[in-house]
C-alpha cells in the first residue's frame, strides 16, 4: 500500500476509523502488522474512489483475501468487492 497516493482527507479518515496516528499506521503496515480495522478502512477508501456508493459496511463484508488484494494492488476481481 502506497500511503503517498492517499489524499489528506483519506488519511484523516483512516486515522479516525482505526484510532491510530498516521505514523504508527505506516509502521504497522510496513511490518505487516494489520488489524481488521486497518484493512476495513483501506478497503473502504480505495474502493470508494471507483464507486461512490461503496460503504464501510461493504468493506466490512469483504473477505480477508479481497482486503489483502487492496494492500498489494492485486485487485483484478474487485468489481463487486464486498457486495453479494
C-alpha atoms as a PDB file:
ATOM      1  CA  UNK A   1       0.000   0.000   0.000  1.00  0.00           C
ATOM      2  CA  UNK A   2       1.385   3.354  -1.017  1.00  0.00           C
ATOM      3  CA  UNK A   3       0.185   5.848   1.557  1.00  0.00           C
ATOM      4  CA  UNK A   4       1.592   8.632  -0.645  1.00  0.00           C
ATOM      5  CA  UNK A   5      -1.311   8.029  -3.055  1.00  0.00           C
ATOM      6  CA  UNK A   6      -3.967   8.733  -0.413  1.00  0.00           C
ATOM      7  CA  UNK A   7      -5.348  12.234  -0.009  1.00  0.00           C
ATOM      8  CA  UNK A   8      -5.012  14.014   3.310  1.00  0.00           C
ATOM      9  CA  UNK A   9      -8.763  13.609   3.809  1.00  0.00           C
ATOM     10  CA  UNK A  10      -8.460   9.849   3.212  1.00  0.00           C
ATOM     11  CA  UNK A  11      -5.541   9.618   5.629  1.00  0.00           C
ATOM     12  CA  UNK A  12      -7.514  11.504   8.263  1.00  0.00           C
ATOM     13  CA  UNK A  13     -10.474   9.188   7.687  1.00  0.00           C
ATOM     14  CA  UNK A  14      -8.214   6.163   8.122  1.00  0.00           C
ATOM     15  CA  UNK A  15      -6.807   7.592  11.362  1.00  0.00           C
ATOM     16  CA  UNK A  16     -10.324   8.276  12.632  1.00  0.00           C
ATOM     17  CA  UNK A  17     -11.572   4.796  11.713  1.00  0.00           C
ATOM     18  CA  UNK A  18      -8.634   2.987  13.280  1.00  0.00           C
ATOM     19  CA  UNK A  19      -7.843   5.330  16.154  1.00  0.00           C
ATOM     20  CA  UNK A  20      -4.159   5.059  15.199  1.00  0.00           C
ATOM     21  CA  UNK A  21      -1.999   8.044  14.120  1.00  0.00           C
ATOM     22  CA  UNK A  22      -0.640   8.017  10.566  1.00  0.00           C
ATOM     23  CA  UNK A  23       2.997   7.403  11.534  1.00  0.00           C
ATOM     24  CA  UNK A  24       2.024   4.330  13.523  1.00  0.00           C
ATOM     25  CA  UNK A  25      -0.254   3.106  10.733  1.00  0.00           C
ATOM     26  CA  UNK A  26       2.580   3.325   8.225  1.00  0.00           C
ATOM     27  CA  UNK A  27       4.939   1.490  10.587  1.00  0.00           C
ATOM     28  CA  UNK A  28       2.381  -1.226  11.253  1.00  0.00           C
ATOM     29  CA  UNK A  29       1.719  -1.757   7.550  1.00  0.00           C
ATOM     30  CA  UNK A  30       5.434  -1.831   6.753  1.00  0.00           C
ATOM     31  CA  UNK A  31       5.851  -4.515   9.424  1.00  0.00           C
ATOM     32  CA  UNK A  32       2.838  -6.491   8.161  1.00  0.00           C
ATOM     33  CA  UNK A  33       1.030  -5.791  11.449  1.00  0.00           C
ATOM     34  CA  UNK A  34      -2.503  -5.413  10.060  1.00  0.00           C
ATOM     35  CA  UNK A  35      -5.652  -5.090  12.125  1.00  0.00           C
ATOM     36  CA  UNK A  36      -9.166  -5.738  10.867  1.00  0.00           C
ATOM     37  CA  UNK A  37      -9.988  -2.030  11.319  1.00  0.00           C
ATOM     38  CA  UNK A  38      -6.986  -1.053   9.222  1.00  0.00           C
ATOM     39  CA  UNK A  39      -7.978  -3.460   6.460  1.00  0.00           C
ATOM     40  CA  UNK A  40     -11.593  -2.276   6.588  1.00  0.00           C
ATOM     41  CA  UNK A  41     -10.588   1.367   6.401  1.00  0.00           C
ATOM     42  CA  UNK A  42      -8.234   0.902   3.478  1.00  0.00           C
ATOM     43  CA  UNK A  43     -10.666  -1.356   1.638  1.00  0.00           C
ATOM     44  CA  UNK A  44     -13.341   1.288   2.065  1.00  0.00           C
ATOM     45  CA  UNK A  45     -11.153   4.212   0.987  1.00  0.00           C
ATOM     46  CA  UNK A  46      -9.623   2.520  -2.048  1.00  0.00           C
ATOM     47  CA  UNK A  47     -12.897   1.079  -3.350  1.00  0.00           C
ATOM     48  CA  UNK A  48     -14.886   4.257  -2.736  1.00  0.00           C
ATOM     49  CA  UNK A  49     -12.569   6.004  -5.216  1.00  0.00           C
ATOM     50  CA  UNK A  50     -14.067   3.876  -8.006  1.00  0.00           C
ATOM     51  CA  UNK A  51     -17.569   3.531  -6.582  1.00  0.00           C
ATOM     52  CA  UNK A  52     -19.081   6.401  -4.594  1.00  0.00           C
ATOM     53  CA  UNK A  53     -21.802   4.009  -3.426  1.00  0.00           C
ATOM     54  CA  UNK A  54     -19.253   1.705  -1.750  1.00  0.00           C
ATOM     55  CA  UNK A  55     -19.870   1.825   2.006  1.00  0.00           C
ATOM     56  CA  UNK A  56     -17.969   0.937   5.133  1.00  0.00           C
ATOM     57  CA  UNK A  57     -20.417  -1.943   5.555  1.00  0.00           C
ATOM     58  CA  UNK A  58     -19.372  -3.188   2.106  1.00  0.00           C
ATOM     59  CA  UNK A  59     -15.747  -3.069   3.265  1.00  0.00           C
ATOM     60  CA  UNK A  60     -16.657  -4.956   6.438  1.00  0.00           C
ATOM     61  CA  UNK A  61     -18.281  -7.667   4.290  1.00  0.00           C
ATOM     62  CA  UNK A  62     -15.163  -8.065   2.125  1.00  0.00           C
ATOM     63  CA  UNK A  63     -13.131 -11.224   2.522  1.00  0.00           C
ATOM     64  CA  UNK A  64      -9.653 -11.167   4.026  1.00  0.00           C
ATOM     65  CA  UNK A  65      -8.353 -12.123   0.592  1.00  0.00           C
ATOM     66  CA  UNK A  66     -10.083  -9.135  -1.023  1.00  0.00           C
ATOM     67  CA  UNK A  67      -8.697  -6.786   1.644  1.00  0.00           C
ATOM     68  CA  UNK A  68      -5.172  -8.082   1.103  1.00  0.00           C
ATOM     69  CA  UNK A  69      -5.602  -7.543  -2.635  1.00  0.00           C
ATOM     70  CA  UNK A  70      -6.243  -3.866  -1.897  1.00  0.00           C
ATOM     71  CA  UNK A  71      -2.979  -3.725   0.055  1.00  0.00           C
ATOM     72  CA  UNK A  72      -0.937  -5.428  -2.627  1.00  0.00           C
ATOM     73  CA  UNK A  73      -2.601  -3.671  -5.560  1.00  0.00           C
ATOM     74  CA  UNK A  74      -3.682  -7.044  -6.972  1.00  0.00           C
ATOM     75  CA  UNK A  75      -7.382  -6.230  -7.223  1.00  0.00           C
ATOM     76  CA  UNK A  76      -8.313  -7.842 -10.542  1.00  0.00           C
ATOM     77  CA  UNK A  77     -11.547  -9.315  -9.164  1.00  0.00           C
ATOM     78  CA  UNK A  78     -12.826  -6.431  -7.045  1.00  0.00           C
ATOM     79  CA  UNK A  79     -15.651  -5.290  -9.334  1.00  0.00           C
ATOM     80  CA  UNK A  80     -18.170  -6.366  -6.705  1.00  0.00           C
ATOM     81  CA  UNK A  81     -15.915  -6.347  -3.668  1.00  0.00           C
ATOM     82  CA  UNK A  82     -17.909  -6.847  -0.510  1.00  0.00           C
ATOM     83  CA  UNK A  83     -21.193  -6.940  -2.411  1.00  0.00           C
ATOM     84  CA  UNK A  84     -23.208 -10.080  -2.822  1.00  0.00           C
END
